[in-house]
């Protein structure tokens, strides 16, 4: 009989308050790093930073270039579409080894990529 290893995935629910309309929503995160949240109430896009323990460290409004469906989406840090420098910063943030300056730089880069300005 083959033994199968089942990896338990950590999931942490938490509340987000939309920075545009103030509506409160419960979302579930399963991995540290950056994520996108689109408010189901008003459609505002938000960029989030989650630490190693899945605690919310930053929440910023962004202007998405394309309309995003409502909900919560974790970003793929390994995506070849992201610049190498940004992938390195995101990996450091997800591992918990990023300095506050690294995290701020990554946040600014992601906001620019999403069309949110400087």
PDB file of N, CA and C in Angstrom:
ATOM      1  N   UNK A   1       0.839  -1.177   0.000  1.00  0.00           N
ATOM      2  CA  UNK A   1       0.000   0.000   0.000  1.00  0.00           C
ATOM      3  C   UNK A   1       0.886   1.244   0.000  1.00  0.00           C
ATOM      4  N   UNK A   2       0.589   2.163  -0.865  1.00  0.00           N
ATOM      5  CA  UNK A   2       1.357   3.398  -0.937  1.00  0.00           C
ATOM      6  C   UNK A   2       0.825   4.404   0.069  1.00  0.00           C
ATOM      7  N   UNK A   3       1.749   4.958   0.806  1.00  0.00           N
ATOM      8  CA  UNK A   3       1.348   5.998   1.760  1.00  0.00           C
ATOM      9  C   UNK A   3       1.390   7.344   1.057  1.00  0.00           C
ATOM     10  N   UNK A   4       0.318   8.052   1.148  1.00  0.00           N
ATOM     11  CA  UNK A   4       0.252   9.362   0.525  1.00  0.00           C
ATOM     12  C   UNK A   4       0.410  10.435   1.587  1.00  0.00           C
ATOM     13  N   UNK A   5       1.253  11.360   1.270  1.00  0.00           N
ATOM     14  CA  UNK A   5       1.457  12.481   2.186  1.00  0.00           C
ATOM     15  C   UNK A   5       0.479  13.585   1.798  1.00  0.00           C
ATOM     16  N   UNK A   6      -0.354  13.931   2.713  1.00  0.00           N
ATOM     17  CA  UNK A   6      -1.318  14.995   2.475  1.00  0.00           C
ATOM     18  C   UNK A   6      -0.811  16.239   3.195  1.00  0.00           C
ATOM     19  N   UNK A   7      -0.526  17.228   2.407  1.00  0.00           N
ATOM     20  CA  UNK A   7      -0.030  18.479   2.968  1.00  0.00           C
ATOM     21  C   UNK A   7      -1.209  19.350   3.373  1.00  0.00           C
ATOM     22  N   UNK A   8      -1.242  19.675   4.665  1.00  0.00           N
ATOM     23  CA  UNK A   8      -2.303  20.551   5.137  1.00  0.00           C
ATOM     24  C   UNK A   8      -1.963  21.982   4.770  1.00  0.00           C
ATOM     25  N   UNK A   9      -2.912  22.648   4.251  1.00  0.00           N
ATOM     26  CA  UNK A   9      -2.707  24.031   3.859  1.00  0.00           C
ATOM     27  C   UNK A   9      -3.318  24.935   4.921  1.00  0.00           C
ATOM     28  N   UNK A  10      -2.524  25.835   5.406  1.00  0.00           N
ATOM     29  CA  UNK A  10      -2.975  26.802   6.391  1.00  0.00           C
ATOM     30  C   UNK A  10      -3.925  27.774   5.725  1.00  0.00           C
ATOM     31  N   UNK A  11      -5.043  28.007   6.331  1.00  0.00           N
ATOM     32  CA  UNK A  11      -5.983  29.003   5.833  1.00  0.00           C
ATOM     33  C   UNK A  11      -6.376  29.875   7.018  1.00  0.00           C
ATOM     34  N   UNK A  12      -6.270  31.178   6.814  1.00  0.00           N
ATOM     35  CA  UNK A  12      -6.596  32.105   7.900  1.00  0.00           C
ATOM     36  C   UNK A  12      -7.638  33.102   7.402  1.00  0.00           C
ATOM     37  N   UNK A  13      -8.825  33.093   8.024  1.00  0.00           N
ATOM     38  CA  UNK A  13      -9.819  34.098   7.660  1.00  0.00           C
ATOM     39  C   UNK A  13      -9.531  35.412   8.389  1.00  0.00           C
ATOM     40  N   UNK A  14      -9.798  36.527   7.728  1.00  0.00           N
ATOM     41  CA  UNK A  14      -9.675  37.828   8.384  1.00  0.00           C
ATOM     42  C   UNK A  14     -10.581  38.824   7.679  1.00  0.00           C
ATOM     43  N   UNK A  15     -10.838  39.934   8.362  1.00  0.00           N
ATOM     44  CA  UNK A  15     -11.730  40.956   7.825  1.00  0.00           C
ATOM     45  C   UNK A  15     -10.937  42.041   7.115  1.00  0.00           C
ATOM     46  N   UNK A  16     -11.484  42.484   5.984  1.00  0.00           N
ATOM     47  CA  UNK A  16     -10.936  43.611   5.237  1.00  0.00           C
ATOM     48  C   UNK A  16     -12.007  44.682   5.146  1.00  0.00           C
ATOM     49  N   UNK A  17     -11.620  45.921   5.325  1.00  0.00           N
ATOM     50  CA  UNK A  17     -12.540  47.037   5.127  1.00  0.00           C
ATOM     51  C   UNK A  17     -12.096  47.769   3.866  1.00  0.00           C
ATOM     52  N   UNK A  18     -13.004  47.883   2.907  1.00  0.00           N
ATOM     53  CA  UNK A  18     -12.713  48.574   1.661  1.00  0.00           C
ATOM     54  C   UNK A  18     -12.327  50.020   1.963  1.00  0.00           C
ATOM     55  N   UNK A  19     -11.224  50.455   1.369  1.00  0.00           N
ATOM     56  CA  UNK A  19     -10.756  51.822   1.595  1.00  0.00           C
ATOM     57  C   UNK A  19     -11.558  52.855   0.808  1.00  0.00           C
ATOM     58  N   UNK A  20     -12.415  52.392  -0.112  1.00  0.00           N
ATOM     59  CA  UNK A  20     -13.216  53.330  -0.879  1.00  0.00           C
ATOM     60  C   UNK A  20     -14.622  53.479  -0.295  1.00  0.00           C
ATOM     61  N   UNK A  21     -15.337  52.370  -0.128  1.00  0.00           N
ATOM     62  CA  UNK A  21     -16.729  52.451   0.328  1.00  0.00           C
ATOM     63  C   UNK A  21     -16.915  52.099   1.796  1.00  0.00           C
ATOM     64  N   UNK A  22     -15.886  51.518   2.437  1.00  0.00           N
ATOM     65  CA  UNK A  22     -15.975  51.181   3.856  1.00  0.00           C
ATOM     66  C   UNK A  22     -16.644  49.853   4.161  1.00  0.00           C
ATOM     67  N   UNK A  23     -17.102  49.141   3.133  1.00  0.00           N
ATOM     68  CA  UNK A  23     -17.752  47.842   3.360  1.00  0.00           C
ATOM     69  C   UNK A  23     -16.732  46.851   3.936  1.00  0.00           C
ATOM     70  N   UNK A  24     -17.207  46.022   4.853  1.00  0.00           N
ATOM     71  CA  UNK A  24     -16.340  45.035   5.485  1.00  0.00           C
ATOM     72  C   UNK A  24     -16.612  43.657   4.883  1.00  0.00           C
ATOM     73  N   UNK A  25     -15.531  42.926   4.592  1.00  0.00           N
ATOM     74  CA  UNK A  25     -15.647  41.604   3.977  1.00  0.00           C
ATOM     75  C   UNK A  25     -14.710  40.640   4.690  1.00  0.00           C
ATOM     76  N   UNK A  26     -15.086  39.368   4.740  1.00  0.00           N
ATOM     77  CA  UNK A  26     -14.223  38.325   5.298  1.00  0.00           C
ATOM     78  C   UNK A  26     -13.591  37.580   4.133  1.00  0.00           C
ATOM     79  N   UNK A  27     -12.256  37.472   4.154  1.00  0.00           N
ATOM     80  CA  UNK A  27     -11.524  36.735   3.131  1.00  0.00           C
ATOM     81  C   UNK A  27     -10.659  35.685   3.806  1.00  0.00           C
ATOM     82  N   UNK A  28     -10.182  34.723   3.033  1.00  0.00           N
ATOM     83  CA  UNK A  28      -9.329  33.666   3.568  1.00  0.00           C
ATOM     84  C   UNK A  28      -8.017  33.644   2.810  1.00  0.00           C
ATOM     85  N   UNK A  29      -6.918  33.766   3.541  1.00  0.00           N
ATOM     86  CA  UNK A  29      -5.583  33.726   2.943  1.00  0.00           C
ATOM     87  C   UNK A  29      -4.956  32.375   3.247  1.00  0.00           C
ATOM     88  N   UNK A  30      -4.154  31.877   2.297  1.00  0.00           N
ATOM     89  CA  UNK A  30      -3.509  30.583   2.501  1.00  0.00           C
ATOM     90  C   UNK A  30      -1.995  30.641   2.323  1.00  0.00           C
ATOM     91  N   UNK A  31      -1.467  31.802   1.884  1.00  0.00           N
ATOM     92  CA  UNK A  31      -0.019  31.895   1.746  1.00  0.00           C
ATOM     93  C   UNK A  31       0.433  33.337   1.960  1.00  0.00           C
ATOM     94  N   UNK A  32       1.647  33.496   2.486  1.00  0.00           N
ATOM     95  CA  UNK A  32       2.163  34.852   2.706  1.00  0.00           C
ATOM     96  C   UNK A  32       2.535  35.509   1.387  1.00  0.00           C
ATOM     97  N   UNK A  33       2.696  36.815   1.428  1.00  0.00           N
ATOM     98  CA  UNK A  33       3.092  37.552   0.232  1.00  0.00           C
ATOM     99  C   UNK A  33       2.044  38.571  -0.137  1.00  0.00           C
ATOM    100  N   UNK A  34       1.903  38.800  -1.420  1.00  0.00           N
ATOM    101  CA  UNK A  34       0.997  39.825  -1.923  1.00  0.00           C
ATOM    102  C   UNK A  34      -0.251  39.200  -2.510  1.00  0.00           C
ATOM    103  N   UNK A  35      -1.349  39.937  -2.414  1.00  0.00           N
ATOM    104  CA  UNK A  35      -2.626  39.462  -2.951  1.00  0.00           C
ATOM    105  C   UNK A  35      -3.427  40.662  -3.445  1.00  0.00           C
ATOM    106  N   UNK A  36      -4.390  40.377  -4.285  1.00  0.00           N
ATOM    107  CA  UNK A  36      -5.311  41.397  -4.773  1.00  0.00           C
ATOM    108  C   UNK A  36      -6.692  41.115  -4.216  1.00  0.00           C
ATOM    109  N   UNK A  37      -7.402  42.156  -3.852  1.00  0.00           N
ATOM    110  CA  UNK A  37      -8.778  42.029  -3.394  1.00  0.00           C
ATOM    111  C   UNK A  37      -9.608  43.067  -4.133  1.00  0.00           C
ATOM    112  N   UNK A  38     -10.694  42.630  -4.742  1.00  0.00           N
ATOM    113  CA  UNK A  38     -11.625  43.533  -5.399  1.00  0.00           C
ATOM    114  C   UNK A  38     -12.916  43.536  -4.595  1.00  0.00           C
ATOM    115  N   UNK A  39     -13.296  44.690  -4.105  1.00  0.00           N
ATOM    116  CA  UNK A  39     -14.478  44.829  -3.253  1.00  0.00           C
ATOM    117  C   UNK A  39     -15.739  44.455  -4.035  1.00  0.00           C
ATOM    118  N   UNK A  40     -16.515  43.480  -3.537  1.00  0.00           N
ATOM    119  CA  UNK A  40     -17.758  43.113  -4.208  1.00  0.00           C
ATOM    120  C   UNK A  40     -18.806  44.226  -4.147  1.00  0.00           C
ATOM    121  N   UNK A  41     -18.673  45.145  -3.184  1.00  0.00           N
ATOM    122  CA  UNK A  41     -19.669  46.205  -3.014  1.00  0.00           C
ATOM    123  C   UNK A  41     -19.497  47.341  -4.015  1.00  0.00           C
ATOM    124  N   UNK A  42     -18.227  47.761  -4.238  1.00  0.00           N
ATOM    125  CA  UNK A  42     -18.024  48.929  -5.103  1.00  0.00           C
ATOM    126  C   UNK A  42     -17.052  48.686  -6.256  1.00  0.00           C
ATOM    127  N   UNK A  43     -16.346  47.546  -6.254  1.00  0.00           N
ATOM    128  CA  UNK A  43     -15.420  47.221  -7.338  1.00  0.00           C
ATOM    129  C   UNK A  43     -14.021  47.782  -7.179  1.00  0.00           C
ATOM    130  N   UNK A  44     -13.726  48.442  -6.045  1.00  0.00           N
ATOM    131  CA  UNK A  44     -12.388  49.006  -5.827  1.00  0.00           C
ATOM    132  C   UNK A  44     -11.360  47.889  -5.658  1.00  0.00           C
ATOM    133  N   UNK A  45     -10.204  48.051  -6.309  1.00  0.00           N
ATOM    134  CA  UNK A  45      -9.123  47.062  -6.227  1.00  0.00           C
ATOM    135  C   UNK A  45      -8.149  47.468  -5.121  1.00  0.00           C
ATOM    136  N   UNK A  46      -7.696  46.477  -4.354  1.00  0.00           N
ATOM    137  CA  UNK A  46      -6.763  46.694  -3.254  1.00  0.00           C
ATOM    138  C   UNK A  46      -5.588  45.731  -3.398  1.00  0.00           C
ATOM    139  N   UNK A  47      -4.414  46.197  -3.026  1.00  0.00           N
ATOM    140  CA  UNK A  47      -3.217  45.367  -2.967  1.00  0.00           C
ATOM    141  C   UNK A  47      -2.911  45.121  -1.497  1.00  0.00           C
ATOM    142  N   UNK A  48      -2.667  43.846  -1.135  1.00  0.00           N
ATOM    143  CA  UNK A  48      -2.424  43.476   0.251  1.00  0.00           C
ATOM    144  C   UNK A  48      -1.046  42.858   0.411  1.00  0.00           C
ATOM    145  N   UNK A  49      -0.464  43.005   1.591  1.00  0.00           N
ATOM    146  CA  UNK A  49       0.759  42.316   1.966  1.00  0.00           C
ATOM    147  C   UNK A  49       0.461  41.500   3.204  1.00  0.00           C
ATOM    148  N   UNK A  50       0.685  40.175   3.113  1.00  0.00           N
ATOM    149  CA  UNK A  50       0.469  39.261   4.232  1.00  0.00           C
ATOM    150  C   UNK A  50       1.816  38.734   4.700  1.00  0.00           C
ATOM    151  N   UNK A  51       2.045  38.738   6.025  1.00  0.00           N
ATOM    152  CA  UNK A  51       3.328  38.254   6.537  1.00  0.00           C
ATOM    153  C   UNK A  51       3.328  36.726   6.646  1.00  0.00           C
ATOM    154  N   UNK A  52       4.420  36.181   7.171  1.00  0.00           N
ATOM    155  CA  UNK A  52       4.617  34.726   7.268  1.00  0.00           C
ATOM    156  C   UNK A  52       3.497  34.049   8.065  1.00  0.00           C
ATOM    157  N   UNK A  53       2.916  34.769   9.047  1.00  0.00           N
ATOM    158  CA  UNK A  53       1.835  34.221   9.872  1.00  0.00           C
ATOM    159  C   UNK A  53       0.453  34.553   9.312  1.00  0.00           C
ATOM    160  N   UNK A  54       0.427  35.051   8.071  1.00  0.00           N
ATOM    161  CA  UNK A  54      -0.797  35.437   7.367  1.00  0.00           C
ATOM    162  C   UNK A  54      -1.528  36.599   8.038  1.00  0.00           C
ATOM    163  N   UNK A  55      -0.763  37.469   8.699  1.00  0.00           N
ATOM    164  CA  UNK A  55      -1.323  38.704   9.246  1.00  0.00           C
ATOM    165  C   UNK A  55      -1.242  39.780   8.176  1.00  0.00           C
ATOM    166  N   UNK A  56      -2.262  40.610   8.109  1.00  0.00           N
ATOM    167  CA  UNK A  56      -2.298  41.696   7.141  1.00  0.00           C
ATOM    168  C   UNK A  56      -1.335  42.787   7.575  1.00  0.00           C
ATOM    169  N   UNK A  57      -0.359  43.115   6.719  1.00  0.00           N
ATOM    170  CA  UNK A  57       0.645  44.130   7.033  1.00  0.00           C
ATOM    171  C   UNK A  57       0.399  45.437   6.299  1.00  0.00           C
ATOM    172  N   UNK A  58      -0.241  45.377   5.129  1.00  0.00           N
ATOM    173  CA  UNK A  58      -0.513  46.600   4.371  1.00  0.00           C
ATOM    174  C   UNK A  58      -1.704  46.356   3.465  1.00  0.00           C
ATOM    175  N   UNK A  59      -2.473  47.421   3.246  1.00  0.00           N
ATOM    176  CA  UNK A  59      -3.638  47.385   2.374  1.00  0.00           C
ATOM    177  C   UNK A  59      -3.699  48.730   1.671  1.00  0.00           C
ATOM    178  N   UNK A  60      -3.588  48.716   0.334  1.00  0.00           N
ATOM    179  CA  UNK A  60      -3.577  49.949  -0.451  1.00  0.00           C
ATOM    180  C   UNK A  60      -4.571  49.852  -1.605  1.00  0.00           C
ATOM    181  N   UNK A  61      -5.249  50.951  -1.876  1.00  0.00           N
ATOM    182  CA  UNK A  61      -6.096  51.029  -3.065  1.00  0.00           C
ATOM    183  C   UNK A  61      -5.210  51.104  -4.297  1.00  0.00           C
ATOM    184  N   UNK A  62      -5.588  50.424  -5.360  1.00  0.00           N
ATOM    185  CA  UNK A  62      -4.875  50.525  -6.633  1.00  0.00           C
ATOM    186  C   UNK A  62      -5.898  50.690  -7.741  1.00  0.00           C
ATOM    187  N   UNK A  63      -5.472  51.331  -8.800  1.00  0.00           N
ATOM    188  CA  UNK A  63      -6.325  51.445  -9.972  1.00  0.00           C
ATOM    189  C   UNK A  63      -5.921  50.344 -10.935  1.00  0.00           C
ATOM    190  N   UNK A  64      -6.742  49.331 -11.032  1.00  0.00           N
ATOM    191  CA  UNK A  64      -6.432  48.210 -11.913  1.00  0.00           C
ATOM    192  C   UNK A  64      -6.596  48.644 -13.366  1.00  0.00           C
ATOM    193  N   UNK A  65      -5.667  48.194 -14.214  1.00  0.00           N
ATOM    194  CA  UNK A  65      -5.736  48.515 -15.634  1.00  0.00           C
ATOM    195  C   UNK A  65      -6.973  47.875 -16.253  1.00  0.00           C
ATOM    196  N   UNK A  66      -7.249  46.644 -15.896  1.00  0.00           N
ATOM    197  CA  UNK A  66      -8.429  45.938 -16.390  1.00  0.00           C
ATOM    198  C   UNK A  66      -9.380  45.715 -15.226  1.00  0.00           C
ATOM    199  N   UNK A  67     -10.656  45.644 -15.514  1.00  0.00           N
ATOM    200  CA  UNK A  67     -11.636  45.373 -14.468  1.00  0.00           C
ATOM    201  C   UNK A  67     -11.398  43.964 -13.915  1.00  0.00           C
ATOM    202  N   UNK A  68     -11.339  43.856 -12.603  1.00  0.00           N
ATOM    203  CA  UNK A  68     -11.135  42.567 -11.956  1.00  0.00           C
ATOM    204  C   UNK A  68     -12.449  42.101 -11.348  1.00  0.00           C
ATOM    205  N   UNK A  69     -12.719  40.799 -11.399  1.00  0.00           N
ATOM    206  CA  UNK A  69     -13.937  40.304 -10.761  1.00  0.00           C
ATOM    207  C   UNK A  69     -13.821  40.443  -9.243  1.00  0.00           C
ATOM    208  N   UNK A  70     -14.955  40.563  -8.540  1.00  0.00           N
ATOM    209  CA  UNK A  70     -14.905  40.674  -7.085  1.00  0.00           C
ATOM    210  C   UNK A  70     -14.224  39.463  -6.467  1.00  0.00           C
ATOM    211  N   UNK A  71     -13.557  39.680  -5.352  1.00  0.00           N
ATOM    212  CA  UNK A  71     -12.971  38.575  -4.620  1.00  0.00           C
ATOM    213  C   UNK A  71     -11.512  38.791  -4.259  1.00  0.00           C
ATOM    214  N   UNK A  72     -10.909  37.730  -3.746  1.00  0.00           N
ATOM    215  CA  UNK A  72      -9.552  37.728  -3.209  1.00  0.00           C
ATOM    216  C   UNK A  72      -8.698  36.782  -4.029  1.00  0.00           C
ATOM    217  N   UNK A  73      -7.554  37.253  -4.543  1.00  0.00           N
ATOM    218  CA  UNK A  73      -6.655  36.418  -5.334  1.00  0.00           C
ATOM    219  C   UNK A  73      -5.230  36.585  -4.839  1.00  0.00           C
ATOM    220  N   UNK A  74      -4.597  35.466  -4.499  1.00  0.00           N
ATOM    221  CA  UNK A  74      -3.193  35.503  -4.115  1.00  0.00           C
ATOM    222  C   UNK A  74      -2.360  35.583  -5.383  1.00  0.00           C
ATOM    223  N   UNK A  75      -1.279  36.367  -5.343  1.00  0.00           N
ATOM    224  CA  UNK A  75      -0.433  36.543  -6.525  1.00  0.00           C
ATOM    225  C   UNK A  75       0.599  35.431  -6.605  1.00  0.00           C
ATOM    226  N   UNK A  76       0.904  35.000  -7.815  1.00  0.00           N
ATOM    227  CA  UNK A  76       1.905  33.962  -8.062  1.00  0.00           C
ATOM    228  C   UNK A  76       3.279  34.617  -8.123  1.00  0.00           C
ATOM    229  N   UNK A  77       4.092  34.364  -7.109  1.00  0.00           N
ATOM    230  CA  UNK A  77       5.418  34.986  -7.034  1.00  0.00           C
ATOM    231  C   UNK A  77       6.371  34.459  -8.093  1.00  0.00           C
ATOM    232  N   UNK A  78       6.081  33.295  -8.645  1.00  0.00           N
ATOM    233  CA  UNK A  78       6.981  32.686  -9.625  1.00  0.00           C
ATOM    234  C   UNK A  78       6.626  33.057 -11.063  1.00  0.00           C
ATOM    235  N   UNK A  79       5.641  33.896 -11.240  1.00  0.00           N
ATOM    236  CA  UNK A  79       5.204  34.248 -12.585  1.00  0.00           C
ATOM    237  C   UNK A  79       6.333  34.902 -13.367  1.00  0.00           C
ATOM    238  N   UNK A  80       6.583  34.388 -14.563  1.00  0.00           N
ATOM    239  CA  UNK A  80       7.626  34.956 -15.410  1.00  0.00           C
ATOM    240  C   UNK A  80       7.224  36.328 -15.950  1.00  0.00           C
ATOM    241  N   UNK A  81       5.957  36.711 -15.741  1.00  0.00           N
ATOM    242  CA  UNK A  81       5.493  38.020 -16.178  1.00  0.00           C
ATOM    243  C   UNK A  81       5.990  39.140 -15.261  1.00  0.00           C
ATOM    244  N   UNK A  82       6.402  38.782 -14.032  1.00  0.00           N
ATOM    245  CA  UNK A  82       6.913  39.780 -13.101  1.00  0.00           C
ATOM    246  C   UNK A  82       8.398  40.016 -13.339  1.00  0.00           C
ATOM    247  N   UNK A  83       8.861  41.267 -13.227  1.00  0.00           N
ATOM    248  CA  UNK A  83      10.304  41.530 -13.359  1.00  0.00           C
ATOM    249  C   UNK A  83      11.094  40.761 -12.300  1.00  0.00           C
ATOM    250  N   UNK A  84      12.311  40.338 -12.650  1.00  0.00           N
ATOM    251  CA  UNK A  84      13.142  39.533 -11.750  1.00  0.00           C
ATOM    252  C   UNK A  84      13.374  40.237 -10.413  1.00  0.00           C
ATOM    253  N   UNK A  85      13.635  41.543 -10.447  1.00  0.00           N
ATOM    254  CA  UNK A  85      13.863  42.286  -9.206  1.00  0.00           C
ATOM    255  C   UNK A  85      12.640  42.213  -8.303  1.00  0.00           C
ATOM    256  N   UNK A  86      11.469  42.350  -8.882  1.00  0.00           N
ATOM    257  CA  UNK A  86      10.237  42.281  -8.105  1.00  0.00           C
ATOM    258  C   UNK A  86      10.023  40.879  -7.550  1.00  0.00           C
ATOM    259  N   UNK A  87      10.301  39.850  -8.354  1.00  0.00           N
ATOM    260  CA  UNK A  87      10.159  38.464  -7.867  1.00  0.00           C
ATOM    261  C   UNK A  87      11.069  38.219  -6.670  1.00  0.00           C
ATOM    262  N   UNK A  88      12.297  38.759  -6.713  1.00  0.00           N
ATOM    263  CA  UNK A  88      13.223  38.598  -5.584  1.00  0.00           C
ATOM    264  C   UNK A  88      12.695  39.295  -4.329  1.00  0.00           C
ATOM    265  N   UNK A  89      12.179  40.509  -4.494  1.00  0.00           N
ATOM    266  CA  UNK A  89      11.625  41.236  -3.345  1.00  0.00           C
ATOM    267  C   UNK A  89      10.400  40.529  -2.773  1.00  0.00           C
ATOM    268  N   UNK A  90       9.535  40.014  -3.655  1.00  0.00           N
ATOM    269  CA  UNK A  90       8.343  39.307  -3.196  1.00  0.00           C
ATOM    270  C   UNK A  90       8.712  38.023  -2.463  1.00  0.00           C
ATOM    271  N   UNK A  91       9.718  37.325  -2.961  1.00  0.00           N
ATOM    272  CA  UNK A  91      10.171  36.094  -2.304  1.00  0.00           C
ATOM    273  C   UNK A  91      10.716  36.406  -0.911  1.00  0.00           C
ATOM    274  N   UNK A  92      11.477  37.496  -0.789  1.00  0.00           N
ATOM    275  CA  UNK A  92      11.994  37.899   0.524  1.00  0.00           C
ATOM    276  C   UNK A  92      10.857  38.250   1.476  1.00  0.00           C
ATOM    277  N   UNK A  93       9.851  38.956   0.963  1.00  0.00           N
ATOM    278  CA  UNK A  93       8.708  39.326   1.804  1.00  0.00           C
ATOM    279  C   UNK A  93       7.939  38.089   2.259  1.00  0.00           C
ATOM    280  N   UNK A  94       7.728  37.153   1.348  1.00  0.00           N
ATOM    281  CA  UNK A  94       6.995  35.931   1.684  1.00  0.00           C
ATOM    282  C   UNK A  94       7.755  35.077   2.688  1.00  0.00           C
ATOM    283  N   UNK A  95       9.084  35.123   2.628  1.00  0.00           N
ATOM    284  CA  UNK A  95       9.913  34.336   3.546  1.00  0.00           C
ATOM    285  C   UNK A  95      10.101  35.039   4.886  1.00  0.00           C
ATOM    286  N   UNK A  96       9.671  36.290   4.965  1.00  0.00           N
ATOM    287  CA  UNK A  96       9.815  37.026   6.217  1.00  0.00           C
ATOM    288  C   UNK A  96      11.167  37.676   6.403  1.00  0.00           C
ATOM    289  N   UNK A  97      11.984  37.742   5.331  1.00  0.00           N
ATOM    290  CA  UNK A  97      13.325  38.308   5.466  1.00  0.00           C
ATOM    291  C   UNK A  97      13.463  39.683   4.813  1.00  0.00           C
ATOM    292  N   UNK A  98      12.367  40.241   4.331  1.00  0.00           N
ATOM    293  CA  UNK A  98      12.421  41.555   3.686  1.00  0.00           C
ATOM    294  C   UNK A  98      12.494  42.653   4.740  1.00  0.00           C
ATOM    295  N   UNK A  99      13.275  43.661   4.442  1.00  0.00           N
ATOM    296  CA  UNK A  99      13.316  44.831   5.304  1.00  0.00           C
ATOM    297  C   UNK A  99      12.071  45.664   5.016  1.00  0.00           C
ATOM    298  N   UNK A 100      11.721  46.603   5.892  1.00  0.00           N
ATOM    299  CA  UNK A 100      10.582  47.478   5.578  1.00  0.00           C
ATOM    300  C   UNK A 100      10.783  48.221   4.256  1.00  0.00           C
ATOM    301  N   UNK A 101      12.035  48.587   3.954  1.00  0.00           N
ATOM    302  CA  UNK A 101      12.318  49.270   2.688  1.00  0.00           C
ATOM    303  C   UNK A 101      12.068  48.353   1.500  1.00  0.00           C
ATOM    304  N   UNK A 102      12.461  47.066   1.625  1.00  0.00           N
ATOM    305  CA  UNK A 102      12.200  46.088   0.563  1.00  0.00           C
ATOM    306  C   UNK A 102      10.698  45.959   0.314  1.00  0.00           C
ATOM    307  N   UNK A 103       9.932  45.853   1.393  1.00  0.00           N
ATOM    308  CA  UNK A 103       8.487  45.685   1.268  1.00  0.00           C
ATOM    309  C   UNK A 103       7.849  46.922   0.621  1.00  0.00           C
ATOM    310  N   UNK A 104       8.302  48.112   1.008  1.00  0.00           N
ATOM    311  CA  UNK A 104       7.763  49.339   0.417  1.00  0.00           C
ATOM    312  C   UNK A 104       8.091  49.424  -1.067  1.00  0.00           C
ATOM    313  N   UNK A 105       9.327  49.058  -1.433  1.00  0.00           N
ATOM    314  CA  UNK A 105       9.727  49.082  -2.836  1.00  0.00           C
ATOM    315  C   UNK A 105       8.884  48.101  -3.651  1.00  0.00           C
ATOM    316  N   UNK A 106       8.693  46.893  -3.134  1.00  0.00           N
ATOM    317  CA  UNK A 106       7.883  45.894  -3.837  1.00  0.00           C
ATOM    318  C   UNK A 106       6.446  46.384  -3.992  1.00  0.00           C
ATOM    319  N   UNK A 107       5.920  47.005  -2.938  1.00  0.00           N
ATOM    320  CA  UNK A 107       4.558  47.528  -2.991  1.00  0.00           C
ATOM    321  C   UNK A 107       4.436  48.597  -4.070  1.00  0.00           C
ATOM    322  N   UNK A 108       5.402  49.512  -4.131  1.00  0.00           N
ATOM    323  CA  UNK A 108       5.373  50.571  -5.154  1.00  0.00           C
ATOM    324  C   UNK A 108       5.464  49.978  -6.562  1.00  0.00           C
ATOM    325  N   UNK A 109       6.335  48.974  -6.744  1.00  0.00           N
ATOM    326  CA  UNK A 109       6.481  48.349  -8.054  1.00  0.00           C
ATOM    327  C   UNK A 109       5.180  47.656  -8.473  1.00  0.00           C
ATOM    328  N   UNK A 110       4.559  46.931  -7.533  1.00  0.00           N
ATOM    329  CA  UNK A 110       3.307  46.251  -7.852  1.00  0.00           C
ATOM    330  C   UNK A 110       2.207  47.248  -8.192  1.00  0.00           C
ATOM    331  N   UNK A 111       2.138  48.347  -7.442  1.00  0.00           N
ATOM    332  CA  UNK A 111       1.118  49.358  -7.737  1.00  0.00           C
ATOM    333  C   UNK A 111       1.302  49.922  -9.131  1.00  0.00           C
ATOM    334  N   UNK A 112       2.567  50.155  -9.532  1.00  0.00           N
ATOM    335  CA  UNK A 112       2.823  50.672 -10.883  1.00  0.00           C
ATOM    336  C   UNK A 112       2.412  49.661 -11.943  1.00  0.00           C
ATOM    337  N   UNK A 113       2.720  48.379 -11.704  1.00  0.00           N
ATOM    338  CA  UNK A 113       2.354  47.336 -12.664  1.00  0.00           C
ATOM    339  C   UNK A 113       0.828  47.212 -12.800  1.00  0.00           C
ATOM    340  N   UNK A 114       0.115  47.459 -11.712  1.00  0.00           N
ATOM    341  CA  UNK A 114      -1.332  47.350 -11.734  1.00  0.00           C
ATOM    342  C   UNK A 114      -1.999  48.628 -12.215  1.00  0.00           C
ATOM    343  N   UNK A 115      -1.201  49.630 -12.508  1.00  0.00           N
ATOM    344  CA  UNK A 115      -1.761  50.878 -13.030  1.00  0.00           C
ATOM    345  C   UNK A 115      -2.122  51.881 -11.954  1.00  0.00           C
ATOM    346  N   UNK A 116      -1.587  51.676 -10.736  1.00  0.00           N
ATOM    347  CA  UNK A 116      -1.948  52.544  -9.624  1.00  0.00           C
ATOM    348  C   UNK A 116      -1.072  53.743  -9.442  1.00  0.00           C
ATOM    349  N   UNK A 117      -0.177  54.028 -10.359  1.00  0.00           N
ATOM    350  CA  UNK A 117       0.666  55.229 -10.261  1.00  0.00           C
ATOM    351  C   UNK A 117       1.899  55.003  -9.411  1.00  0.00           C
ATOM    352  N   UNK A 118       2.610  56.088  -9.051  1.00  0.00           N
ATOM    353  CA  UNK A 118       3.893  55.984  -8.347  1.00  0.00           C
ATOM    354  C   UNK A 118       3.806  55.488  -6.935  1.00  0.00           C
TER     355      UNK A 118
END
